[in-house]
Amino acid sequence: MWPAGADPGRLRAGLLAGFLGFALMLTAVDPGTALDATARTPVPEKGYRSGRDALRSGVRDYNAGDKQGAVRALEYAADQGQTLALWKLGRMYADGDGVPHDDLKAFEYFSRIADDNTDDSPDTPNSGVVASAFNALGTYFLEGIKGTYVRPSPERAYDMFNYAASYFGDPNAQYNLARLYLDGTGVEQDPRKAARWFNLAAEKGHRPAQALLGDMLVNGTGVQRQPVKGLTWLAIARGGAQGAADTWIVNLYDKAWASANEADRADAMAQAQSLSTGSTRRRR
């Protein structure tokens, strides 16, 4: 879903031009860091029939616990243009999963996906991976990578999140874009736009978006106060909360629930149960 008045073709063209301009800037600063074929990981000695064969081998090795073998195979597959291999390597370096944690390497793998797939249709098999790469790049641009050429740029973060959210409909990017509008980071603060993007992500089951949208509606933060609808979203988010990472969701729910009247709580719980039941049926 594109924002009102947006031109998809112009947005893609502008994003690609901006991203390629960033890559050219890196080349001017340090040719060794340019995001092109010369900067790619060398092909390993082990032979594979094709890039797809190497990708399958890398996935098998990873699932078997041989992460060194997985990296070798995935590097070959990535060099052959396998988008999923690029994404998996990016995630491994971002998480320090079987390799040393290296955000710059992760950034460069995700950048290669962005360079190679900017014009891909959101209906292609790899669209989820491409959207995830743009979202990851937005996260890196938001804070930068200390000690590297990747400087904080909220404006570039906005470009990445907006593209993944608008063109691909990625819920994580929609949530991150909403946060930018809510906080006024890299864009003019606009709670109404934040609420709209939170709502899109919330409808796709994104718990943090459900929680923050619910909190905004309960308190009327920049939007019309709708306590029952807000409590409903908070109840849905609370129902899916797991572990310490979601403690803040539980706290928002508890605070809102404690201050609500009995009628609103009853209505919200009934709506939350109805929505949750409908969602479960659709997934079957």
Protein backbone atom coordinates (compact mmCIF):
# COMPACT_ATOMS: atom_id res chain seq x y z
CA MET A 1 0.00 0.00 0.00
CA TRP A 2 1.48 3.32 -1.09
CA PRO A 3 0.97 6.48 0.96
CA ALA A 4 -1.63 8.85 -0.47
CA GLY A 5 -0.30 10.75 -3.47
CA ALA A 6 2.84 8.62 -3.79
CA ASP A 7 4.09 7.55 -7.22
CA PRO A 8 5.56 4.00 -6.93
CA GLY A 9 7.76 4.39 -10.00
CA ARG A 10 9.21 7.69 -8.86
CA LEU A 11 9.76 6.35 -5.34
CA ARG A 12 11.66 3.32 -6.66
CA ALA A 13 13.71 5.47 -9.04
CA GLY A 14 14.52 8.00 -6.35
CA LEU A 15 15.46 5.34 -3.84
CA LEU A 16 17.70 3.55 -6.33
CA ALA A 17 19.39 6.79 -7.36
CA GLY A 18 19.97 7.72 -3.73
CA PHE A 19 21.34 4.34 -2.82
CA LEU A 20 23.65 4.18 -5.83
CA GLY A 21 24.80 7.69 -5.03
CA PHE A 22 25.68 6.49 -1.52
CA ALA A 23 27.66 3.59 -3.01
CA LEU A 24 29.53 5.96 -5.34
CA MET A 25 30.34 8.18 -2.38
CA LEU A 26 31.87 5.19 -0.60
CA THR A 27 33.97 4.44 -3.69
CA ALA A 28 35.33 7.97 -3.66
CA VAL A 29 36.27 7.71 -0.02
CA ASP A 30 37.71 4.21 -0.06
CA PRO A 31 37.62 2.00 -3.17
CA GLY A 32 38.11 -1.05 -0.97
CA THR A 33 34.71 -0.52 0.62
CA ALA A 34 32.70 -0.03 -2.56
CA LEU A 35 29.63 -2.20 -2.73
CA ASP A 36 30.42 -3.82 -6.07
CA ALA A 37 31.68 -7.16 -7.37
CA THR A 38 35.31 -6.41 -6.51
CA ALA A 39 34.42 -6.17 -2.83
CA ARG A 40 32.65 -9.51 -2.73
CA THR A 41 33.92 -12.52 -0.86
CA PRO A 42 36.18 -14.80 -2.99
CA VAL A 43 34.72 -18.05 -4.24
CA PRO A 44 35.75 -20.97 -2.00
CA GLU A 45 37.79 -23.85 -3.35
CA LYS A 46 34.99 -26.39 -2.95
CA GLY A 47 33.09 -26.80 -6.21
CA TYR A 48 29.32 -26.62 -6.59
CA ARG A 49 27.16 -27.36 -9.60
CA SER A 50 25.45 -23.98 -9.31
CA GLY A 51 24.71 -21.13 -6.96
CA ARG A 52 21.42 -22.78 -6.07
CA ASP A 53 23.24 -26.02 -5.26
CA ALA A 54 25.62 -24.09 -2.99
CA LEU A 55 22.65 -22.42 -1.29
CA ARG A 56 21.06 -25.79 -0.56
CA SER A 57 24.38 -27.11 0.74
CA GLY A 58 24.80 -24.06 2.97
CA VAL A 59 21.33 -24.47 4.44
CA ARG A 60 21.97 -28.16 5.11
CA ASP A 61 25.30 -27.42 6.77
CA TYR A 62 23.76 -24.66 8.89
CA ASN A 63 20.90 -26.87 10.06
CA ALA A 64 23.39 -29.63 10.86
CA GLY A 65 25.40 -27.26 13.05
CA ASP A 66 28.36 -26.91 10.65
CA LYS A 67 28.30 -23.15 10.45
CA GLN A 68 31.81 -22.84 9.03
CA GLY A 69 30.81 -25.11 6.18
CA ALA A 70 27.59 -23.15 5.82
CA VAL A 71 29.48 -19.88 5.46
CA ARG A 72 31.72 -21.29 2.74
CA ALA A 73 28.77 -22.56 0.75
CA LEU A 74 26.69 -19.45 1.31
CA GLU A 75 29.57 -17.20 0.24
CA TYR A 76 29.78 -19.09 -3.03
CA ALA A 77 26.01 -18.89 -3.50
CA ALA A 78 26.05 -15.17 -2.68
CA ASP A 79 28.79 -14.60 -5.24
CA GLN A 80 26.52 -16.28 -7.78
CA GLY A 81 23.71 -13.85 -6.98
CA GLN A 82 21.58 -15.98 -4.66
CA THR A 83 19.57 -13.40 -2.70
CA LEU A 84 18.70 -15.76 0.13
CA ALA A 85 22.40 -16.55 0.66
CA LEU A 86 23.21 -12.84 0.90
CA TRP A 87 20.44 -12.37 3.43
CA LYS A 88 21.47 -15.37 5.53
CA LEU A 89 25.09 -14.21 5.64
CA GLY A 90 23.94 -10.74 6.61
CA ARG A 91 21.88 -12.15 9.47
CA MET A 92 24.74 -14.40 10.63
CA TYR A 93 27.19 -11.47 10.82
CA ALA A 94 24.58 -9.18 12.40
CA ASP A 95 23.88 -11.76 15.13
CA GLY A 96 27.38 -13.21 15.50
CA ASP A 97 25.84 -16.55 14.59
CA GLY A 98 28.69 -18.93 13.79
CA VAL A 99 30.89 -16.01 12.71
CA PRO A 100 32.38 -13.01 14.53
CA HIS A 101 29.81 -10.27 15.06
CA ASP A 102 30.43 -7.72 12.30
CA ASP A 103 27.77 -5.11 11.58
CA LEU A 104 29.70 -3.65 8.66
CA LYS A 105 29.80 -7.01 6.87
CA ALA A 106 26.11 -7.46 7.58
CA PHE A 107 25.42 -3.96 6.21
CA GLU A 108 27.32 -4.74 3.01
CA TYR A 109 25.50 -8.03 2.44
CA PHE A 110 22.14 -6.30 2.92
CA SER A 111 23.33 -3.48 0.63
CA ARG A 112 24.03 -5.95 -2.15
CA ILE A 113 20.46 -7.20 -1.88
CA ALA A 114 19.17 -3.62 -2.10
CA ASP A 115 21.39 -2.86 -5.11
CA ASP A 116 20.31 -6.00 -6.97
CA ASN A 117 16.59 -6.06 -6.18
CA THR A 118 15.28 -2.50 -5.92
CA ASP A 119 12.92 -2.95 -8.87
CA ASP A 120 11.70 -6.42 -7.92
CA SER A 121 7.94 -6.88 -7.71
CA PRO A 122 6.48 -7.39 -4.21
CA ASP A 123 4.98 -10.61 -5.61
CA THR A 124 8.34 -12.28 -6.30
CA PRO A 125 9.41 -15.26 -4.13
CA ASN A 126 12.26 -13.27 -2.58
CA SER A 127 10.20 -10.19 -1.74
CA GLY A 128 10.19 -10.93 1.99
CA VAL A 129 13.97 -11.24 2.03
CA VAL A 130 14.41 -8.02 0.04
CA ALA A 131 12.05 -6.14 2.35
CA SER A 132 13.92 -7.47 5.37
CA ALA A 133 17.22 -6.25 3.90
CA PHE A 134 15.86 -2.72 3.37
CA ASN A 135 14.51 -2.74 6.92
CA ALA A 136 17.91 -3.84 8.28
CA LEU A 137 19.64 -1.08 6.33
CA GLY A 138 17.23 1.43 7.84
CA THR A 139 18.17 0.25 11.31
CA TYR A 140 21.87 0.65 10.54
CA PHE A 141 21.39 4.12 9.04
CA LEU A 142 19.37 5.18 12.06
CA GLU A 143 22.29 4.82 14.48
CA GLY A 144 25.26 4.31 12.14
CA ILE A 145 28.01 1.75 12.67
CA LYS A 146 30.67 3.07 15.03
CA GLY A 147 34.18 3.22 13.59
CA THR A 148 33.03 2.75 9.99
CA TYR A 149 31.93 4.84 7.03
CA VAL A 150 28.27 4.17 7.91
CA ARG A 151 27.28 7.38 9.66
CA PRO A 152 23.96 8.01 11.43
CA SER A 153 21.44 9.31 8.92
CA PRO A 154 17.79 9.37 10.05
CA GLU A 155 16.84 10.64 6.59
CA ARG A 156 18.37 7.57 4.90
CA ALA A 157 16.75 5.39 7.55
CA TYR A 158 13.41 6.93 6.61
CA ASP A 159 14.03 6.12 2.92
CA MET A 160 14.77 2.47 3.70
CA PHE A 161 11.84 1.99 6.09
CA ASN A 162 9.43 3.86 3.83
CA TYR A 163 10.34 1.75 0.80
CA ALA A 164 10.02 -1.57 2.61
CA ALA A 165 6.82 -0.44 4.33
CA SER A 166 5.12 1.11 1.30
CA TYR A 167 6.21 -1.10 -1.59
CA PHE A 168 6.59 -4.46 0.13
CA GLY A 169 4.13 -3.94 3.00
CA ASP A 170 6.69 -5.26 5.49
CA PRO A 171 5.25 -5.05 9.04
CA ASN A 172 8.64 -4.55 10.71
CA ALA A 173 9.37 -1.61 8.41
CA GLN A 174 5.86 -0.24 8.95
CA TYR A 175 6.48 -0.35 12.69
CA ASN A 176 9.88 1.33 12.36
CA LEU A 177 8.44 4.00 10.07
CA ALA A 178 5.68 4.65 12.59
CA ARG A 179 8.29 5.11 15.31
CA LEU A 180 10.03 7.76 13.21
CA TYR A 181 6.76 9.68 12.83
CA LEU A 182 5.88 9.23 16.50
CA ASP A 183 9.26 10.53 17.70
CA GLY A 184 9.91 13.03 14.88
CA THR A 185 13.17 11.33 13.93
CA GLY A 186 14.36 12.13 10.40
CA VAL A 187 10.87 13.38 9.57
CA GLU A 188 8.38 15.90 10.92
CA GLN A 189 6.60 14.52 13.97
CA ASP A 190 3.13 13.33 13.01
CA PRO A 191 1.24 11.08 15.49
CA ARG A 192 -1.60 10.51 13.02
CA LYS A 193 0.75 9.09 10.41
CA ALA A 194 2.40 7.07 13.15
CA ALA A 195 -0.96 5.61 14.14
CA ARG A 196 -1.78 4.70 10.53
CA TRP A 197 1.50 2.82 10.07
CA PHE A 198 1.18 1.16 13.49
CA ASN A 199 -2.31 0.03 12.47
CA LEU A 200 -1.07 -1.56 9.24
CA ALA A 201 1.61 -3.49 11.15
CA ALA A 202 -0.78 -4.34 14.00
CA GLU A 203 -3.26 -5.94 11.61
CA LYS A 204 -0.45 -8.25 10.48
CA GLY A 205 0.17 -9.44 14.04
CA HIS A 206 3.11 -7.18 14.94
CA ARG A 207 2.96 -7.14 18.77
CA PRO A 208 4.96 -3.97 19.46
CA ALA A 209 2.84 -2.10 16.90
CA GLN A 210 -0.33 -3.43 18.53
CA ALA A 211 0.88 -2.29 21.93
CA LEU A 212 1.94 1.22 20.91
CA LEU A 213 -1.18 1.76 18.80
CA GLY A 214 -3.30 0.63 21.74
CA ASP A 215 -1.48 2.98 24.09
CA MET A 216 -1.97 5.91 21.70
CA LEU A 217 -5.69 5.21 21.40
CA VAL A 218 -6.22 4.72 25.14
CA ASN A 219 -4.49 8.00 25.96
CA GLY A 220 -5.46 10.00 22.87
CA THR A 221 -1.80 10.67 22.05
CA GLY A 222 -2.04 12.84 18.93
CA VAL A 223 -5.16 10.96 17.81
CA GLN A 224 -8.80 10.80 18.84
CA ARG A 225 -9.15 8.90 22.10
CA GLN A 226 -10.78 5.50 21.57
CA PRO A 227 -10.37 3.61 24.87
CA VAL A 228 -12.14 0.38 23.88
CA LYS A 229 -10.23 0.04 20.61
CA GLY A 230 -7.00 0.87 22.40
CA LEU A 231 -7.64 -1.66 25.16
CA THR A 232 -8.48 -4.24 22.48
CA TRP A 233 -5.12 -3.83 20.77
CA LEU A 234 -3.32 -3.89 24.11
CA ALA A 235 -5.13 -7.09 25.09
CA ILE A 236 -4.16 -8.75 21.79
CA ALA A 237 -0.54 -7.66 22.24
CA ARG A 238 -0.55 -8.85 25.86
CA GLY A 239 -1.87 -12.24 24.79
CA GLY A 240 1.14 -12.77 22.54
CA ALA A 241 3.77 -11.29 24.88
CA GLN A 242 6.66 -13.62 25.62
CA GLY A 243 9.65 -13.34 27.92
CA ALA A 244 11.53 -10.38 29.35
CA ALA A 245 11.75 -8.61 25.99
CA ASP A 246 7.98 -8.06 26.06
CA THR A 247 7.78 -6.84 29.67
CA TRP A 248 7.09 -3.31 28.47
CA ILE A 249 4.01 -4.57 26.60
CA VAL A 250 2.71 -6.19 29.79
CA ASN A 251 3.35 -2.96 31.70
CA LEU A 252 1.43 -0.85 29.15
CA TYR A 253 -1.45 -3.31 29.28
CA ASP A 254 -1.54 -3.41 33.10
CA LYS A 255 -1.49 0.39 33.38
CA ALA A 256 -4.25 0.89 30.81
CA TRP A 257 -6.38 -1.95 32.18
CA ALA A 258 -6.13 -0.64 35.75
CA SER A 259 -7.35 2.83 34.76
CA ALA A 260 -10.20 1.65 32.50
CA ASN A 261 -13.79 1.25 33.65
CA GLU A 262 -15.43 -2.15 33.84
CA ALA A 263 -17.65 -1.68 30.77
CA ASP A 264 -14.71 -0.71 28.55
CA ARG A 265 -12.68 -3.66 29.80
CA ALA A 266 -15.51 -6.09 29.07
CA ASP A 267 -16.08 -4.69 25.56
CA ALA A 268 -12.35 -4.74 24.77
CA MET A 269 -11.88 -8.30 25.98
CA ALA A 270 -14.83 -9.50 23.88
CA GLN A 271 -13.46 -7.76 20.78
CA ALA A 272 -9.95 -9.07 21.39
CA GLN A 273 -11.23 -12.64 21.70
CA SER A 274 -13.28 -12.24 18.53
CA LEU A 275 -10.35 -10.87 16.55
CA SER A 276 -7.97 -13.54 17.87
CA THR A 277 -10.43 -16.32 16.98
CA GLY A 278 -10.89 -14.95 13.48
CA SER A 279 -7.14 -14.70 12.98
CA THR A 280 -6.66 -18.32 14.11
CA ARG A 281 -9.32 -19.53 11.67
CA ARG A 282 -7.71 -17.66 8.76
CA ARG A 283 -4.34 -19.30 9.46
CA ARG A 284 -5.81 -22.84 9.29
